[in-house]
Amino acid sequence: MKYWRILSSFLLAITICFSNMGNAWAFCGFYVSKADSKLYNQASQVVIARDGDRTILTMANDYQGDVKDFAIVVPVPVKIEKEQVKIGDPKVIERLDAFSAPRLVEYFDSNPCEPQVFYDRLPASAPLPAPAPIAREREGALGVTIEAKFNVGEYEILVLSAKQSDGLETWLKQNGYKLPRGASQLLQPYIKQKMKFFVAKVNLKEFDKSGSEFLRPLMIAYSSPKFMLPIRLGMMNSTNEQDLIVYVLSPKGQAEVTNYRTVKVPSGDEIPVYVKNEFGEFYKSMFQTSYNKEDKKVAFLEYAWNMSNCDPCSAEPLNEEELKKAGVFWLKPDASSQVFISRIHVRYTRDKFPEDLMFQETSNQESFQGRYVLRHAYTGETNCSAGREYRRGLKQRFEREAQTLAKLTGWNIRDIRKKLDLAEEASPPSDPFWKNIWGE
């Protein structure tokens, strides 16, 4: 059975089987590459479009086993009816990932011998234009009630309520679901909170009809004051670190985790130019180093921005049609300016994250992005005193960049210095010693 793959790829489920940066004007440079969710082999992605108590939750799935073995149980705060469930578009999640991913940018030093032109600021990108009766069963001896039963796309869905966790565990096992050990203990808190259980498995005939190679996301709409993700169930019988990337879409501003600290990933640092070819490995090492430094129990903010613009852009902002597919239900004309996206990255284990994630919306619209800078040295002729001073300072600059890279990633400083290749990259032959007095 493919239990562990589902555990790692569905954070909400029981397996049944990025220097300080200011406002938008402060950013510019040329976008180079991004560190998206593909860096992580087992990263779950969840989209939460929320306004007030109203939520549309999209659960992405990268399950790669036999689809007949796939099934999930998701605690939900209220009873869900068929019209509240929809099949999502995986391409929209890919777009959200690409738009909000931590990014690498590069600058090119100008000729130090030429007069410098300074600009107060560069304009941010302009806003983009807008693009049957339910079967029920009374509770039996096990205390389980089927509140709803219906099909949506390739999924067969049950909505259950239960009075006791061991009864729910027994019921699921009797109905062909195979739970990992310890399920009853973790189910109990949700039952005490009177939460419902959204149970989905794959209808093989409908899956074949869909023509899709992979299982598509499930979207659930509901109204509840509870703004949370039940991650504890996804850690059942797993001691491995798991990654969760949450895209919170709000009409107000940044979202944050309330029962764990939310901190910004390190950002704005200048790092050696050679990292351009190793950005994925750099970001993974940097994230792990930051994760360890924070004692492995914080949520990291990787991106926060109004959807109407970006600077620099790693992908175009989502248009109106895409935003609706992502669950944004409050759109009006000039849609993109009404959506603020927060990208929150959580790496967690059972011992460091003993509680489910609790979120809140805020009115903070400060822009932030995980952003790392490559600064190319000027390599042309520098026949002036300013140019010679510039050349003398390069070696120190490159050493600072090397030290920064080592601090961010934990990489060996000696290995970094070897890769810098200072002579080739930044120290072209200096002017003849007599040139500065002969003037030729």
Protein backbone atom coordinates (compact mmCIF):
# COMPACT_ATOMS: atom_id res chain seq x y z
CA MET A 1 0.00 0.00 0.00
CA LYS A 2 1.22 3.52 -0.78
CA TYR A 3 0.70 5.04 2.64
CA TRP A 4 3.81 7.13 3.01
CA ARG A 5 3.54 8.85 -0.34
CA ILE A 6 0.09 10.13 0.56
CA LEU A 7 1.11 11.13 4.04
CA SER A 8 3.80 13.37 2.65
CA SER A 9 1.81 14.75 -0.25
CA PHE A 10 -1.49 15.49 1.48
CA LEU A 11 -0.93 17.53 4.59
CA LEU A 12 -4.56 17.68 5.46
CA ALA A 13 -5.18 14.01 5.09
CA ILE A 14 -4.96 10.71 6.85
CA THR A 15 -3.59 8.25 4.35
CA ILE A 16 -5.88 5.37 3.91
CA CYS A 17 -4.25 3.15 1.50
CA PHE A 18 12.94 33.77 1.62
CA SER A 19 18.28 41.81 3.85
CA ASN A 20 15.25 43.71 4.66
CA MET A 21 13.21 44.94 1.78
CA GLY A 22 10.79 47.80 1.78
CA ASN A 23 8.01 48.59 -0.59
CA ALA A 24 7.61 47.66 -4.22
CA TRP A 25 9.80 50.53 -5.42
CA ALA A 26 12.86 49.04 -3.70
CA PHE A 27 13.01 46.04 -6.02
CA CYS A 28 14.36 45.81 -9.51
CA GLY A 29 17.06 43.96 -11.38
CA PHE A 30 16.76 41.21 -13.92
CA TYR A 31 14.92 38.08 -12.93
CA VAL A 32 17.05 34.97 -13.41
CA SER A 33 15.37 31.92 -11.93
CA LYS A 34 13.03 30.75 -9.19
CA ALA A 35 12.99 28.20 -6.39
CA ASP A 36 9.56 26.65 -6.76
CA SER A 37 7.92 23.64 -5.14
CA LYS A 38 9.61 21.25 -7.57
CA LEU A 39 12.73 21.55 -5.41
CA TYR A 40 11.06 19.34 -2.83
CA ASN A 41 10.23 15.71 -3.51
CA GLN A 42 7.44 15.61 -0.97
CA ALA A 43 5.91 19.07 -0.80
CA SER A 44 2.18 19.42 -0.30
CA GLN A 45 0.48 22.50 -1.70
CA VAL A 46 -2.72 24.03 -0.40
CA VAL A 47 -4.54 27.10 -1.67
CA ILE A 48 -6.78 28.98 0.76
CA ALA A 49 -8.96 31.73 -0.68
CA ARG A 50 -10.55 33.38 2.34
CA ASP A 51 -12.64 36.46 3.05
CA GLY A 52 -14.09 36.72 6.54
CA ASP A 53 -15.49 33.34 7.53
CA ARG A 54 -15.85 32.16 3.94
CA THR A 55 -13.22 29.81 2.56
CA ILE A 56 -12.48 27.88 -0.60
CA LEU A 57 -9.78 25.32 0.10
CA THR A 58 -7.89 23.63 -2.73
CA MET A 59 -5.83 20.56 -1.95
CA ALA A 60 -3.18 19.73 -4.53
CA ASN A 61 -2.14 16.15 -4.93
CA ASP A 62 1.05 14.70 -6.39
CA TYR A 63 0.20 11.09 -5.64
CA GLN A 64 2.19 8.83 -7.96
CA GLY A 65 1.12 5.35 -6.86
CA ASP A 66 -1.71 3.21 -8.14
CA VAL A 67 -4.82 5.42 -7.98
CA LYS A 68 -6.92 2.51 -6.72
CA ASP A 69 -4.93 2.73 -3.47
CA PHE A 70 -5.62 6.43 -3.01
CA ALA A 71 -8.05 7.65 -0.35
CA ILE A 72 -8.05 10.47 2.17
CA VAL A 73 -9.82 11.59 5.31
CA VAL A 74 -9.84 15.36 5.84
CA PRO A 75 -11.26 16.93 9.00
CA VAL A 76 -13.54 19.84 8.05
CA PRO A 77 -15.24 22.29 10.44
CA VAL A 78 -18.74 21.95 8.99
CA LYS A 79 -20.86 19.53 7.04
CA ILE A 80 -20.08 19.59 3.31
CA GLU A 81 -22.71 19.09 0.59
CA LYS A 82 -22.10 18.08 -3.01
CA GLU A 83 -22.51 21.60 -4.41
CA GLN A 84 -19.66 22.74 -2.15
CA VAL A 85 -17.10 20.43 -3.77
CA LYS A 86 -15.46 20.88 -7.16
CA ILE A 87 -12.55 19.51 -9.17
CA GLY A 88 -9.74 22.08 -9.37
CA ASP A 89 -7.29 22.96 -12.13
CA PRO A 90 -3.72 21.87 -11.30
CA LYS A 91 -2.31 24.46 -13.71
CA VAL A 92 -3.59 27.25 -11.46
CA ILE A 93 -1.58 25.90 -8.54
CA GLU A 94 1.47 25.75 -10.79
CA ARG A 95 0.86 29.41 -11.67
CA LEU A 96 0.58 30.43 -8.02
CA ASP A 97 3.78 28.55 -7.29
CA ALA A 98 5.65 30.20 -10.17
CA PHE A 99 4.38 33.70 -9.35
CA SER A 100 5.29 33.55 -5.66
CA ALA A 101 8.47 31.46 -5.75
CA PRO A 102 11.68 32.81 -4.16
CA ARG A 103 13.75 34.28 -6.95
CA LEU A 104 17.26 35.07 -8.11
CA VAL A 105 17.98 38.44 -9.73
CA GLU A 106 21.10 39.90 -11.22
CA TYR A 107 22.62 43.36 -11.65
CA PHE A 108 25.52 44.48 -13.83
CA ASP A 109 27.94 47.11 -12.54
CA SER A 110 28.27 50.15 -14.77
CA ASN A 111 31.55 51.64 -15.93
CA PRO A 112 32.96 53.38 -12.83
CA CYS A 113 34.70 55.90 -15.13
CA GLU A 114 31.43 57.17 -16.60
CA PRO A 115 29.10 59.67 -14.90
CA GLN A 116 26.43 57.83 -12.94
CA VAL A 117 22.75 58.51 -13.50
CA PHE A 118 20.55 57.93 -10.48
CA TYR A 119 16.87 57.32 -10.47
CA ASP A 120 14.61 57.76 -7.51
CA ARG A 121 12.71 54.63 -8.35
CA LEU A 122 11.54 52.40 -11.13
CA PRO A 123 7.83 52.02 -11.71
CA ALA A 124 6.23 48.79 -10.62
CA SER A 125 4.42 46.70 -13.17
CA ALA A 126 1.06 48.11 -14.19
CA PRO A 127 -2.03 46.20 -13.11
CA LEU A 128 -3.13 43.61 -15.60
CA PRO A 129 -6.65 43.85 -17.12
CA ALA A 130 -9.24 41.42 -15.90
CA PRO A 131 -9.44 38.23 -17.85
CA ALA A 132 -29.84 13.90 -6.50
CA PRO A 133 -31.13 13.37 -3.00
CA ILE A 134 -28.21 12.60 -0.69
CA ALA A 135 -28.18 9.17 0.85
CA ARG A 136 -28.03 9.23 4.64
CA GLU A 137 -27.61 6.59 7.33
CA ARG A 138 -28.40 6.83 11.00
CA GLU A 139 -25.53 6.21 13.36
CA GLY A 140 -25.00 2.61 14.30
CA ALA A 141 -23.35 0.96 17.21
CA LEU A 142 -20.02 2.52 16.24
CA GLY A 143 -21.37 6.06 16.57
CA VAL A 144 -20.67 6.93 12.93
CA THR A 145 -23.17 8.77 10.74
CA ILE A 146 -22.92 9.21 6.98
CA GLU A 147 -23.98 12.84 6.65
CA ALA A 148 -23.60 12.94 2.88
CA LYS A 149 -22.58 10.68 0.03
CA PHE A 150 -21.89 11.84 -3.53
CA ASN A 151 -19.52 11.69 -6.50
CA VAL A 152 -17.49 14.61 -7.88
CA GLY A 153 -15.40 13.91 -10.96
CA GLU A 154 -13.24 10.88 -10.29
CA TYR A 155 -13.83 10.97 -6.54
CA GLU A 156 -16.36 9.09 -4.42
CA ILE A 157 -16.99 11.22 -1.35
CA LEU A 158 -18.48 10.58 2.06
CA VAL A 159 -19.02 13.15 4.79
CA LEU A 160 -18.99 11.47 8.19
CA SER A 161 -19.61 12.48 11.76
CA ALA A 162 -18.57 10.37 14.70
CA LYS A 163 -19.03 10.18 18.46
CA GLN A 164 -15.86 8.31 19.27
CA SER A 165 -12.52 7.92 17.55
CA ASP A 166 -12.21 4.17 17.95
CA GLY A 167 -15.69 3.80 16.45
CA LEU A 168 -14.70 5.88 13.43
CA GLU A 169 -11.48 3.92 13.06
CA THR A 170 -13.39 0.64 13.22
CA TRP A 171 -16.00 1.86 10.75
CA LEU A 172 -13.36 2.90 8.22
CA LYS A 173 -11.57 -0.42 8.53
CA GLN A 174 -14.81 -2.36 8.16
CA ASN A 175 -15.54 -0.43 4.98
CA GLY A 176 -12.25 -1.31 3.36
CA TYR A 177 -10.09 1.61 4.46
CA LYS A 178 -6.71 0.75 5.92
CA LEU A 179 -5.53 3.16 8.59
CA PRO A 180 -2.03 3.45 10.03
CA ARG A 181 -1.64 2.62 13.69
CA GLY A 182 -2.43 5.44 16.07
CA ALA A 183 -5.32 6.80 14.02
CA SER A 184 -7.82 6.64 16.86
CA GLN A 185 -5.72 8.82 19.17
CA LEU A 186 -5.28 11.55 16.56
CA LEU A 187 -8.91 11.46 15.49
CA GLN A 188 -10.19 12.08 19.01
CA PRO A 189 -9.50 15.87 19.21
CA TYR A 190 -11.42 16.50 16.00
CA ILE A 191 -14.38 14.49 17.25
CA LYS A 192 -14.37 16.50 20.48
CA GLN A 193 -14.51 19.69 18.40
CA LYS A 194 -17.49 18.18 16.55
CA MET A 195 -15.71 18.42 13.23
CA LYS A 196 -16.84 16.38 10.25
CA PHE A 197 -14.69 14.04 8.20
CA PHE A 198 -14.45 14.46 4.45
CA VAL A 199 -13.58 11.03 3.03
CA ALA A 200 -12.63 10.65 -0.64
CA LYS A 201 -11.40 7.76 -2.74
CA VAL A 202 -11.02 7.26 -6.46
CA ASN A 203 -13.68 5.89 -8.77
CA LEU A 204 -11.51 4.10 -11.31
CA LYS A 205 -14.06 4.24 -14.15
CA GLU A 206 -14.53 7.99 -13.74
CA PHE A 207 -10.78 8.51 -13.48
CA ASP A 208 -10.31 6.76 -16.83
CA LYS A 209 -13.03 8.93 -18.35
CA SER A 210 -11.36 12.11 -17.14
CA GLY A 211 -8.39 11.48 -19.43
CA SER A 212 -6.11 12.94 -16.79
CA GLU A 213 -2.75 11.32 -16.11
CA PHE A 214 -2.73 12.43 -12.47
CA LEU A 215 -5.35 12.95 -9.83
CA ARG A 216 -6.76 16.46 -9.95
CA PRO A 217 -7.07 18.82 -6.98
CA LEU A 218 -10.17 18.87 -4.83
CA MET A 219 -11.78 22.20 -3.90
CA ILE A 220 -14.05 22.56 -0.87
CA ALA A 221 -16.10 25.67 -0.08
CA TYR A 222 -17.42 26.31 3.43
CA SER A 223 -18.18 29.01 5.98
CA SER A 224 -16.60 28.77 9.42
CA PRO A 225 -14.74 31.05 11.84
CA LYS A 226 -12.07 28.34 12.09
CA PHE A 227 -9.09 29.26 9.90
CA MET A 228 -6.85 26.23 10.21
CA LEU A 229 -5.15 23.29 8.54
CA PRO A 230 -5.16 19.94 10.40
CA ILE A 231 -1.57 18.85 9.73
CA ARG A 232 -1.24 16.43 12.66
CA LEU A 233 -3.08 13.66 10.85
CA GLY A 234 -0.62 13.86 8.00
CA MET A 235 2.23 13.06 10.40
CA MET A 236 0.80 9.77 11.57
CA ASN A 237 3.49 7.11 11.78
CA SER A 238 5.96 9.45 10.10
CA THR A 239 9.13 10.81 11.69
CA ASN A 240 10.38 12.44 8.50
CA GLU A 241 10.33 16.17 7.85
CA GLN A 242 7.52 17.20 5.56
CA ASP A 243 7.09 20.40 3.54
CA LEU A 244 3.85 22.30 3.19
CA ILE A 245 3.44 25.35 0.97
CA VAL A 246 0.27 27.32 1.62
CA TYR A 247 -0.91 30.04 -0.75
CA VAL A 248 -3.35 32.28 1.13
CA LEU A 249 -5.40 34.58 -1.09
CA SER A 250 -7.11 37.45 0.73
CA PRO A 251 -8.77 40.78 -0.15
CA LYS A 252 -7.10 42.36 2.91
CA GLY A 253 -3.38 41.68 3.26
CA GLN A 254 -0.82 39.25 4.62
CA ALA A 255 -1.82 36.04 6.33
CA GLU A 256 0.16 34.59 9.19
CA VAL A 257 0.26 31.55 11.42
CA THR A 258 -0.92 32.43 14.92
CA ASN A 259 0.10 29.43 17.04
CA TYR A 260 3.66 29.30 15.70
CA ARG A 261 5.93 32.21 14.82
CA THR A 262 5.80 33.42 11.23
CA VAL A 263 9.22 34.72 10.11
CA LYS A 264 10.49 35.98 6.78
CA VAL A 265 13.05 33.92 4.91
CA PRO A 266 16.46 35.64 4.63
CA SER A 267 16.27 37.95 1.65
CA GLY A 268 18.10 40.66 -0.29
CA ASP A 269 21.62 39.28 0.22
CA GLU A 270 24.29 39.52 -2.47
CA ILE A 271 25.79 36.12 -3.22
CA PRO A 272 28.51 34.96 -5.66
CA VAL A 273 27.64 34.99 -9.34
CA TYR A 274 28.36 31.30 -9.77
CA VAL A 275 25.25 30.47 -7.72
CA LYS A 276 23.27 31.28 -10.87
CA ASN A 277 23.89 27.70 -11.95
CA GLU A 278 23.19 26.25 -8.50
CA PHE A 279 20.21 28.24 -7.31
CA GLY A 280 18.06 25.24 -6.47
CA GLU A 281 20.72 23.72 -4.25
CA PHE A 282 21.43 27.13 -2.74
CA TYR A 283 17.83 27.68 -1.75
CA LYS A 284 17.36 24.23 -0.28
CA SER A 285 20.51 24.63 1.82
CA MET A 286 19.58 28.16 2.84
CA PHE A 287 16.09 27.08 3.87
CA GLN A 288 17.38 24.13 5.88
CA THR A 289 19.94 26.36 7.63
CA SER A 290 17.23 28.89 8.53
CA TYR A 291 14.93 26.09 9.64
CA ASN A 292 17.59 24.70 11.97
CA LYS A 293 18.43 28.17 13.29
CA GLU A 294 14.79 28.74 14.24
CA ASP A 295 14.69 25.43 16.14
CA LYS A 296 12.54 23.84 13.45
CA LYS A 297 9.29 25.31 14.72
CA VAL A 298 8.40 28.40 12.71
CA ALA A 299 6.45 29.12 9.56
CA PHE A 300 8.42 30.96 6.87
CA LEU A 301 6.96 33.75 4.77
CA GLU A 302 8.47 33.41 1.30
CA TYR A 303 6.31 35.93 -0.54
CA ALA A 304 3.68 38.57 0.17
CA TRP A 305 2.41 40.92 -2.51
CA ASN A 306 -0.67 42.36 -4.12
CA MET A 307 -1.53 40.26 -7.14
CA SER A 308 -1.80 43.35 -9.38
CA ASN A 309 1.97 43.61 -9.86
CA CYS A 310 5.39 42.16 -9.06
CA ASP A 311 9.00 43.36 -9.22
CA PRO A 312 10.88 41.49 -10.46
CA CYS A 313 8.33 39.05 -11.78
CA SER A 314 9.16 35.37 -11.86
CA ALA A 315 5.84 34.83 -13.65
CA GLU A 316 2.99 37.05 -14.76
CA PRO A 317 0.31 37.81 -12.15
CA LEU A 318 -2.73 35.58 -12.42
CA ASN A 319 -5.55 36.99 -14.51
CA GLU A 320 -9.20 37.13 -13.48
CA GLU A 321 -10.08 33.74 -14.88
CA GLU A 322 -7.14 32.09 -13.15
CA LEU A 323 -7.95 33.78 -9.85
CA LYS A 324 -11.47 32.45 -9.98
CA LYS A 325 -10.12 28.98 -10.65
CA ALA A 326 -7.93 29.43 -7.56
CA GLY A 327 -11.09 29.98 -5.53
CA VAL A 328 -11.16 33.79 -5.33
CA PHE A 329 -14.90 34.43 -5.00
CA TRP A 330 -14.97 38.17 -4.17
CA LEU A 331 -13.71 39.48 -7.51
CA LYS A 332 -15.09 42.68 -9.00
CA PRO A 333 -13.86 44.77 -11.98
CA ASP A 334 -10.11 45.45 -11.80
CA ALA A 335 -9.88 42.08 -10.12
CA SER A 336 -6.19 41.61 -9.53
CA SER A 337 -5.82 44.58 -7.17
CA GLN A 338 -8.32 42.93 -4.81
CA VAL A 339 -6.16 39.88 -4.15
CA PHE A 340 -3.18 39.75 -1.82
CA ILE A 341 -1.14 36.54 -1.86
CA SER A 342 0.89 35.20 1.04
CA ARG A 343 3.15 32.21 0.44
CA ILE A 344 3.86 30.40 3.70
CA HIS A 345 6.31 27.50 3.79
CA VAL A 346 6.22 25.13 6.73
CA ARG A 347 8.63 22.24 7.29
CA TYR A 348 7.45 20.18 10.19
CA THR A 349 7.74 17.04 12.26
CA ARG A 350 5.53 15.59 14.99
CA ASP A 351 7.68 16.78 17.87
CA LYS A 352 8.11 20.38 16.67
CA PHE A 353 4.55 20.92 15.43
CA PRO A 354 2.27 19.27 17.99
CA GLU A 355 -0.67 21.48 16.99
CA ASP A 356 -2.56 22.04 13.77
CA LEU A 357 -1.81 25.28 11.96
CA MET A 358 -4.02 28.22 12.93
CA PHE A 359 -4.07 31.25 10.61
CA GLN A 360 -5.35 34.80 10.61
CA GLU A 361 -5.84 37.47 7.97
CA THR A 362 -4.24 40.87 8.61
CA SER A 363 -4.54 44.28 6.97
CA ASN A 364 -0.75 44.44 6.47
CA GLN A 365 -0.07 44.95 2.75
CA GLU A 366 3.70 45.29 3.02
CA SER A 367 5.39 43.66 0.03
CA PHE A 368 8.00 41.01 0.62
CA GLN A 369 9.78 38.38 -1.44
CA GLY A 370 12.53 35.87 -0.95
CA ARG A 371 15.05 37.48 -3.31
CA TYR A 372 18.77 36.84 -3.81
CA VAL A 373 21.10 39.09 -5.76
CA LEU A 374 23.91 38.39 -8.23
CA ARG A 375 26.05 41.45 -8.92
CA HIS A 376 28.28 41.16 -11.96
CA ALA A 377 31.52 43.11 -11.91
CA TYR A 378 32.31 45.55 -14.72
CA THR A 379 34.90 43.92 -16.98
CA GLY A 380 35.68 46.72 -19.45
CA GLU A 381 38.55 49.18 -19.34
CA THR A 382 38.74 51.37 -16.24
CA ASN A 383 41.24 54.13 -17.13
CA CYS A 384 40.45 56.51 -14.29
CA SER A 385 41.10 56.82 -10.58
CA ALA A 386 37.55 55.78 -9.75
CA GLY A 387 37.99 52.71 -11.91
CA ARG A 388 41.20 51.73 -10.21
CA GLU A 389 39.57 52.19 -6.82
CA TYR A 390 36.67 50.06 -8.03
CA ARG A 391 39.05 47.26 -9.05
CA ARG A 392 40.84 47.35 -5.71
CA GLY A 393 37.55 46.92 -3.89
CA LEU A 394 36.30 43.93 -5.86
CA LYS A 395 38.27 41.31 -4.02
CA GLN A 396 36.82 42.44 -0.70
CA ARG A 397 33.34 42.46 -2.20
CA PHE A 398 33.68 38.91 -3.47
CA GLU A 399 34.95 37.78 -0.10
CA ARG A 400 31.90 39.36 1.57
CA GLU A 401 29.66 37.52 -0.88
CA ALA A 402 31.46 34.26 -0.14
CA GLN A 403 31.07 34.78 3.60
CA THR A 404 27.39 35.60 3.14
CA LEU A 405 26.84 32.44 1.12
CA ALA A 406 28.57 30.33 3.74
CA LYS A 407 26.49 31.87 6.51
CA LEU A 408 23.20 31.39 4.65
CA THR A 409 23.80 27.82 3.57
CA GLY A 410 26.34 26.30 5.92
CA TRP A 411 28.56 25.51 2.93
CA ASN A 412 32.31 25.27 3.45
CA ILE A 413 33.90 28.67 2.86
CA ARG A 414 36.99 27.07 1.29
CA ASP A 415 34.85 25.30 -1.31
CA ILE A 416 33.05 28.56 -2.06
CA ARG A 417 36.32 30.42 -2.57
CA LYS A 418 37.52 27.76 -5.00
CA LYS A 419 34.39 28.19 -7.08
CA LEU A 420 34.64 31.96 -7.13
CA ASP A 421 37.57 31.82 -9.53
CA LEU A 422 38.39 35.42 -8.75
CA ALA A 423 41.11 35.85 -11.35
CA GLU A 424 38.79 35.01 -14.24
CA GLU A 425 35.55 36.53 -12.96
CA ALA A 426 36.60 39.80 -11.40
CA SER A 427 40.30 40.56 -11.69
CA PRO A 428 41.23 41.21 -15.31
CA PRO A 429 44.81 42.34 -15.85
CA SER A 430 45.38 45.64 -14.08
CA ASP A 431 46.63 48.70 -15.91
CA PRO A 432 50.42 48.95 -16.30
CA PHE A 433 51.99 50.48 -13.21
CA TRP A 434 53.28 53.48 -15.19
CA LYS A 435 49.98 54.39 -16.82
CA ASN A 436 48.65 56.47 -13.97
CA ILE A 437 51.63 58.88 -14.16
CA TRP A 438 52.35 58.83 -17.89
CA GLY A 439 48.66 59.20 -18.76
CA GLU A 440 48.79 56.89 -21.76
